[in-house]
């Protein structure tokens, strides 16, 4: 759990193999908006293999997103 929301840190935790990843993500619309903005800034232009890795990681680890 993050003490204060930071989209970059949230993505690091969601995608990290080194730490236990969260499997539940709850947030208000602003949280999801910030996650999308960070994705566009940090990951979107890195190519289809990065997008596929993120997609598969989130599918395999996240059991509930609300």
PDB file of N, CA and C in Angstrom:
ATOM      1  N   UNK A   1       0.847  -1.166   0.000  1.00  0.00           N
ATOM      2  CA  UNK A   1       0.000   0.000   0.000  1.00  0.00           C
ATOM      3  C   UNK A   1       0.898   1.237   0.000  1.00  0.00           C
ATOM      4  N   UNK A   2       0.506   2.194  -0.790  1.00  0.00           N
ATOM      5  CA  UNK A   2       1.243   3.452  -0.840  1.00  0.00           C
ATOM      6  C   UNK A   2       0.676   4.415   0.197  1.00  0.00           C
ATOM      7  N   UNK A   3       1.576   5.100   0.889  1.00  0.00           N
ATOM      8  CA  UNK A   3       1.135   6.078   1.869  1.00  0.00           C
ATOM      9  C   UNK A   3       0.397   7.233   1.192  1.00  0.00           C
ATOM     10  N   UNK A   4       0.963   7.686   0.083  1.00  0.00           N
ATOM     11  CA  UNK A   4       0.354   8.742  -0.720  1.00  0.00           C
ATOM     12  C   UNK A   4       0.411   8.276  -2.172  1.00  0.00           C
ATOM     13  N   UNK A   5      -0.666   8.454  -2.911  1.00  0.00           N
ATOM     14  CA  UNK A   5      -0.709   7.956  -4.281  1.00  0.00           C
ATOM     15  C   UNK A   5       0.302   8.655  -5.168  1.00  0.00           C
ATOM     16  N   UNK A   6       1.038   7.850  -5.906  1.00  0.00           N
ATOM     17  CA  UNK A   6       1.990   8.319  -6.898  1.00  0.00           C
ATOM     18  C   UNK A   6       1.882   7.337  -8.060  1.00  0.00           C
ATOM     19  N   UNK A   7       1.455   7.797  -9.220  1.00  0.00           N
ATOM     20  CA  UNK A   7       1.193   6.905 -10.353  1.00  0.00           C
ATOM     21  C   UNK A   7       2.434   6.139 -10.784  1.00  0.00           C
ATOM     22  N   UNK A   8       3.576   6.794 -10.790  1.00  0.00           N
ATOM     23  CA  UNK A   8       4.814   6.125 -11.185  1.00  0.00           C
ATOM     24  C   UNK A   8       5.153   4.993 -10.222  1.00  0.00           C
ATOM     25  N   UNK A   9       5.046   5.258  -8.935  1.00  0.00           N
ATOM     26  CA  UNK A   9       5.332   4.236  -7.921  1.00  0.00           C
ATOM     27  C   UNK A   9       4.290   3.111  -7.986  1.00  0.00           C
ATOM     28  N   UNK A  10       3.050   3.462  -8.247  1.00  0.00           N
ATOM     29  CA  UNK A  10       2.010   2.438  -8.371  1.00  0.00           C
ATOM     30  C   UNK A  10       2.326   1.481  -9.522  1.00  0.00           C
ATOM     31  N   UNK A  11       2.739   2.014 -10.677  1.00  0.00           N
ATOM     32  CA  UNK A  11       3.115   1.155 -11.806  1.00  0.00           C
ATOM     33  C   UNK A  11       4.318   0.290 -11.455  1.00  0.00           C
ATOM     34  N   UNK A  12       5.297   0.853 -10.751  1.00  0.00           N
ATOM     35  CA  UNK A  12       6.469   0.068 -10.352  1.00  0.00           C
ATOM     36  C   UNK A  12       6.050  -1.127  -9.492  1.00  0.00           C
ATOM     37  N   UNK A  13       5.145  -0.889  -8.565  1.00  0.00           N
ATOM     38  CA  UNK A  13       4.699  -1.982  -7.703  1.00  0.00           C
ATOM     39  C   UNK A  13       3.845  -2.987  -8.465  1.00  0.00           C
ATOM     40  N   UNK A  14       3.012  -2.503  -9.371  1.00  0.00           N
ATOM     41  CA  UNK A  14       2.177  -3.413 -10.151  1.00  0.00           C
ATOM     42  C   UNK A  14       3.001  -4.325 -11.055  1.00  0.00           C
ATOM     43  N   UNK A  15       4.131  -3.829 -11.545  1.00  0.00           N
ATOM     44  CA  UNK A  15       4.911  -4.566 -12.531  1.00  0.00           C
ATOM     45  C   UNK A  15       6.176  -5.219 -11.968  1.00  0.00           C
ATOM     46  N   UNK A  16       6.490  -4.965 -10.732  1.00  0.00           N
ATOM     47  CA  UNK A  16       7.738  -5.457 -10.155  1.00  0.00           C
ATOM     48  C   UNK A  16       7.715  -6.965  -9.919  1.00  0.00           C
ATOM     49  N   UNK A  17       8.823  -7.598 -10.261  1.00  0.00           N
ATOM     50  CA  UNK A  17       9.001  -9.013  -9.944  1.00  0.00           C
ATOM     51  C   UNK A  17       9.704  -9.148  -8.597  1.00  0.00           C
ATOM     52  N   UNK A  18      10.352  -8.090  -8.135  1.00  0.00           N
ATOM     53  CA  UNK A  18      11.147  -8.145  -6.909  1.00  0.00           C
ATOM     54  C   UNK A  18      10.295  -8.088  -5.648  1.00  0.00           C
ATOM     55  N   UNK A  19       9.162  -7.421  -5.724  1.00  0.00           N
ATOM     56  CA  UNK A  19       8.325  -7.309  -4.537  1.00  0.00           C
ATOM     57  C   UNK A  19       6.988  -7.989  -4.796  1.00  0.00           C
ATOM     58  N   UNK A  20       6.323  -8.333  -3.733  1.00  0.00           N
ATOM     59  CA  UNK A  20       4.997  -8.926  -3.885  1.00  0.00           C
ATOM     60  C   UNK A  20       4.066  -7.882  -4.485  1.00  0.00           C
ATOM     61  N   UNK A  21       3.446  -8.261  -5.570  1.00  0.00           N
ATOM     62  CA  UNK A  21       2.564  -7.323  -6.265  1.00  0.00           C
ATOM     63  C   UNK A  21       1.172  -7.356  -5.657  1.00  0.00           C
ATOM     64  N   UNK A  22       0.497  -6.227  -5.706  1.00  0.00           N
ATOM     65  CA  UNK A  22      -0.889  -6.211  -5.221  1.00  0.00           C
ATOM     66  C   UNK A  22      -1.782  -7.006  -6.162  1.00  0.00           C
ATOM     67  N   UNK A  23      -2.877  -7.534  -5.628  1.00  0.00           N
ATOM     68  CA  UNK A  23      -3.820  -8.252  -6.476  1.00  0.00           C
ATOM     69  C   UNK A  23      -5.206  -7.620  -6.436  1.00  0.00           C
ATOM     70  N   UNK A  24      -5.337  -6.545  -5.681  1.00  0.00           N
ATOM     71  CA  UNK A  24      -6.582  -5.788  -5.623  1.00  0.00           C
ATOM     72  C   UNK A  24      -6.224  -4.315  -5.792  1.00  0.00           C
ATOM     73  N   UNK A  25      -6.968  -3.640  -6.652  1.00  0.00           N
ATOM     74  CA  UNK A  25      -6.741  -2.216  -6.871  1.00  0.00           C
ATOM     75  C   UNK A  25      -8.082  -1.504  -6.818  1.00  0.00           C
ATOM     76  N   UNK A  26      -8.215  -0.620  -5.838  1.00  0.00           N
ATOM     77  CA  UNK A  26      -9.439   0.169  -5.710  1.00  0.00           C
ATOM     78  C   UNK A  26      -9.058   1.634  -5.752  1.00  0.00           C
ATOM     79  N   UNK A  27      -9.845   2.407  -6.446  1.00  0.00           N
ATOM     80  CA  UNK A  27      -9.545   3.829  -6.505  1.00  0.00           C
ATOM     81  C   UNK A  27     -10.696   4.620  -7.079  1.00  0.00           C
ATOM     82  N   UNK A  28     -10.612   5.893  -6.873  1.00  0.00           N
ATOM     83  CA  UNK A  28     -11.587   6.815  -7.454  1.00  0.00           C
ATOM     84  C   UNK A  28     -11.175   7.076  -8.902  1.00  0.00           C
ATOM     85  N   UNK A  29     -12.049   7.622  -9.717  1.00  0.00           N
ATOM     86  CA  UNK A  29     -11.713   7.857 -11.121  1.00  0.00           C
ATOM     87  C   UNK A  29     -10.411   8.625 -11.342  1.00  0.00           C
ATOM     88  N   UNK A  30     -10.085   9.544 -10.465  1.00  0.00           N
ATOM     89  CA  UNK A  30      -8.851  10.310 -10.613  1.00  0.00           C
ATOM     90  C   UNK A  30      -7.622   9.405 -10.551  1.00  0.00           C
ATOM     91  N   UNK A  31      -7.650   8.391  -9.705  1.00  0.00           N
ATOM     92  CA  UNK A  31      -6.529   7.446  -9.603  1.00  0.00           C
ATOM     93  C   UNK A  31      -6.331   6.746 -10.939  1.00  0.00           C
ATOM     94  N   UNK A  32      -7.394   6.255 -11.526  1.00  0.00           N
ATOM     95  CA  UNK A  32      -7.287   5.559 -12.809  1.00  0.00           C
ATOM     96  C   UNK A  32      -6.843   6.516 -13.917  1.00  0.00           C
ATOM     97  N   UNK A  33      -7.305   7.744 -13.858  1.00  0.00           N
ATOM     98  CA  UNK A  33      -6.880   8.749 -14.835  1.00  0.00           C
ATOM     99  C   UNK A  33      -5.370   8.985 -14.736  1.00  0.00           C
ATOM    100  N   UNK A  34      -4.863   9.094 -13.521  1.00  0.00           N
ATOM    101  CA  UNK A  34      -3.426   9.306 -13.322  1.00  0.00           C
ATOM    102  C   UNK A  34      -2.620   8.081 -13.756  1.00  0.00           C
ATOM    103  N   UNK A  35      -3.135   6.883 -13.520  1.00  0.00           N
ATOM    104  CA  UNK A  35      -2.449   5.667 -13.976  1.00  0.00           C
ATOM    105  C   UNK A  35      -2.373   5.622 -15.501  1.00  0.00           C
ATOM    106  N   UNK A  36      -3.443   6.013 -16.159  1.00  0.00           N
ATOM    107  CA  UNK A  36      -3.445   6.045 -17.628  1.00  0.00           C
ATOM    108  C   UNK A  36      -2.474   7.099 -18.145  1.00  0.00           C
ATOM    109  N   UNK A  37      -2.464   8.275 -17.534  1.00  0.00           N
ATOM    110  CA  UNK A  37      -1.521   9.317 -17.937  1.00  0.00           C
ATOM    111  C   UNK A  37      -0.079   8.838 -17.794  1.00  0.00           C
ATOM    112  N   UNK A  38       0.224   8.180 -16.682  1.00  0.00           N
ATOM    113  CA  UNK A  38       1.578   7.672 -16.451  1.00  0.00           C
ATOM    114  C   UNK A  38       1.926   6.576 -17.446  1.00  0.00           C
ATOM    115  N   UNK A  39       0.971   5.705 -17.743  1.00  0.00           N
ATOM    116  CA  UNK A  39       1.199   4.664 -18.744  1.00  0.00           C
ATOM    117  C   UNK A  39       1.543   5.301 -20.084  1.00  0.00           C
ATOM    118  N   UNK A  40       0.761   6.278 -20.497  1.00  0.00           N
ATOM    119  CA  UNK A  40       1.017   6.961 -21.773  1.00  0.00           C
ATOM    120  C   UNK A  40       2.398   7.614 -21.798  1.00  0.00           C
ATOM    121  N   UNK A  41       2.804   8.188 -20.687  1.00  0.00           N
ATOM    122  CA  UNK A  41       4.080   8.887 -20.603  1.00  0.00           C
ATOM    123  C   UNK A  41       5.266   7.906 -20.534  1.00  0.00           C
ATOM    124  N   UNK A  42       5.139   6.851 -19.750  1.00  0.00           N
ATOM    125  CA  UNK A  42       6.289   5.996 -19.461  1.00  0.00           C
ATOM    126  C   UNK A  42       6.356   4.709 -20.278  1.00  0.00           C
ATOM    127  N   UNK A  43       5.219   4.198 -20.748  1.00  0.00           N
ATOM    128  CA  UNK A  43       5.224   2.868 -21.348  1.00  0.00           C
ATOM    129  C   UNK A  43       4.667   2.780 -22.767  1.00  0.00           C
ATOM    130  N   UNK A  44       3.752   3.648 -23.128  1.00  0.00           N
ATOM    131  CA  UNK A  44       3.011   3.497 -24.388  1.00  0.00           C
ATOM    132  C   UNK A  44       3.912   3.476 -25.619  1.00  0.00           C
ATOM    133  N   UNK A  45       4.973   4.243 -25.621  1.00  0.00           N
ATOM    134  CA  UNK A  45       5.821   4.332 -26.799  1.00  0.00           C
ATOM    135  C   UNK A  45       6.945   3.299 -26.828  1.00  0.00           C
ATOM    136  N   UNK A  46       6.977   2.414 -25.852  1.00  0.00           N
ATOM    137  CA  UNK A  46       8.049   1.417 -25.783  1.00  0.00           C
ATOM    138  C   UNK A  46       7.794   0.196 -26.648  1.00  0.00           C
ATOM    139  N   UNK A  47       6.640   0.147 -27.281  1.00  0.00           N
ATOM    140  CA  UNK A  47       6.383  -0.913 -28.243  1.00  0.00           C
ATOM    141  C   UNK A  47       5.411  -1.969 -27.767  1.00  0.00           C
ATOM    142  N   UNK A  48       5.020  -2.833 -28.701  1.00  0.00           N
ATOM    143  CA  UNK A  48       4.003  -3.839 -28.410  1.00  0.00           C
ATOM    144  C   UNK A  48       4.443  -4.885 -27.391  1.00  0.00           C
ATOM    145  N   UNK A  49       5.728  -5.188 -27.318  1.00  0.00           N
ATOM    146  CA  UNK A  49       6.162  -6.200 -26.347  1.00  0.00           C
ATOM    147  C   UNK A  49       5.996  -5.686 -24.919  1.00  0.00           C
ATOM    148  N   UNK A  50       6.227  -4.402 -24.700  1.00  0.00           N
ATOM    149  CA  UNK A  50       6.022  -3.815 -23.375  1.00  0.00           C
ATOM    150  C   UNK A  50       4.540  -3.805 -23.030  1.00  0.00           C
ATOM    151  N   UNK A  51       3.719  -3.408 -23.979  1.00  0.00           N
ATOM    152  CA  UNK A  51       2.274  -3.395 -23.747  1.00  0.00           C
ATOM    153  C   UNK A  51       1.762  -4.793 -23.433  1.00  0.00           C
ATOM    154  N   UNK A  52       2.257  -5.790 -24.145  1.00  0.00           N
ATOM    155  CA  UNK A  52       1.838  -7.173 -23.905  1.00  0.00           C
ATOM    156  C   UNK A  52       2.298  -7.652 -22.530  1.00  0.00           C
ATOM    157  N   UNK A  53       3.536  -7.303 -22.134  1.00  0.00           N
ATOM    158  CA  UNK A  53       4.031  -7.673 -20.808  1.00  0.00           C
ATOM    159  C   UNK A  53       3.142  -7.076 -19.722  1.00  0.00           C
ATOM    160  N   UNK A  54       2.820  -5.793 -19.846  1.00  0.00           N
ATOM    161  CA  UNK A  54       1.983  -5.127 -18.850  1.00  0.00           C
ATOM    162  C   UNK A  54       0.601  -5.767 -18.806  1.00  0.00           C
ATOM    163  N   UNK A  55       0.046  -6.009 -19.952  1.00  0.00           N
ATOM    164  CA  UNK A  55      -1.280  -6.639 -20.028  1.00  0.00           C
ATOM    165  C   UNK A  55      -1.278  -7.997 -19.354  1.00  0.00           C
ATOM    166  N   UNK A  56      -0.331  -8.847 -19.703  1.00  0.00           N
ATOM    167  CA  UNK A  56      -0.265 -10.197 -19.140  1.00  0.00           C
ATOM    168  C   UNK A  56       0.019 -10.175 -17.635  1.00  0.00           C
ATOM    169  N   UNK A  57       0.884  -9.263 -17.220  1.00  0.00           N
ATOM    170  CA  UNK A  57       1.197  -9.156 -15.793  1.00  0.00           C
ATOM    171  C   UNK A  57      -0.039  -8.764 -15.008  1.00  0.00           C
ATOM    172  N   UNK A  58      -0.752  -7.764 -15.487  1.00  0.00           N
ATOM    173  CA  UNK A  58      -1.946  -7.318 -14.782  1.00  0.00           C
ATOM    174  C   UNK A  58      -3.046  -8.385 -14.779  1.00  0.00           C
ATOM    175  N   UNK A  59      -3.209  -9.067 -15.897  1.00  0.00           N
ATOM    176  CA  UNK A  59      -4.208 -10.134 -15.962  1.00  0.00           C
ATOM    177  C   UNK A  59      -3.878 -11.274 -15.008  1.00  0.00           C
ATOM    178  N   UNK A  60      -2.603 -11.633 -14.955  1.00  0.00           N
ATOM    179  CA  UNK A  60      -2.229 -12.778 -14.139  1.00  0.00           C
ATOM    180  C   UNK A  60      -2.207 -12.472 -12.648  1.00  0.00           C
ATOM    181  N   UNK A  61      -1.970 -11.224 -12.265  1.00  0.00           N
ATOM    182  CA  UNK A  61      -1.847 -10.885 -10.845  1.00  0.00           C
ATOM    183  C   UNK A  61      -3.061 -10.199 -10.246  1.00  0.00           C
ATOM    184  N   UNK A  62      -3.776  -9.421 -11.027  1.00  0.00           N
ATOM    185  CA  UNK A  62      -4.894  -8.663 -10.478  1.00  0.00           C
ATOM    186  C   UNK A  62      -6.157  -9.518 -10.480  1.00  0.00           C
ATOM    187  N   UNK A  63      -6.776  -9.637  -9.321  1.00  0.00           N
ATOM    188  CA  UNK A  63      -7.999 -10.410  -9.256  1.00  0.00           C
ATOM    189  C   UNK A  63      -9.225  -9.514  -9.089  1.00  0.00           C
ATOM    190  N   UNK A  64      -8.990  -8.267  -8.693  1.00  0.00           N
ATOM    191  CA  UNK A  64     -10.113  -7.358  -8.498  1.00  0.00           C
ATOM    192  C   UNK A  64      -9.648  -5.934  -8.715  1.00  0.00           C
ATOM    193  N   UNK A  65     -10.289  -5.246  -9.648  1.00  0.00           N
ATOM    194  CA  UNK A  65     -10.020  -3.833  -9.898  1.00  0.00           C
ATOM    195  C   UNK A  65     -11.361  -3.115  -9.851  1.00  0.00           C
ATOM    196  N   UNK A  66     -11.457  -2.145  -8.969  1.00  0.00           N
ATOM    197  CA  UNK A  66     -12.744  -1.450  -8.791  1.00  0.00           C
ATOM    198  C   UNK A  66     -12.514   0.023  -8.635  1.00  0.00           C
TER     199      UNK A  66
END
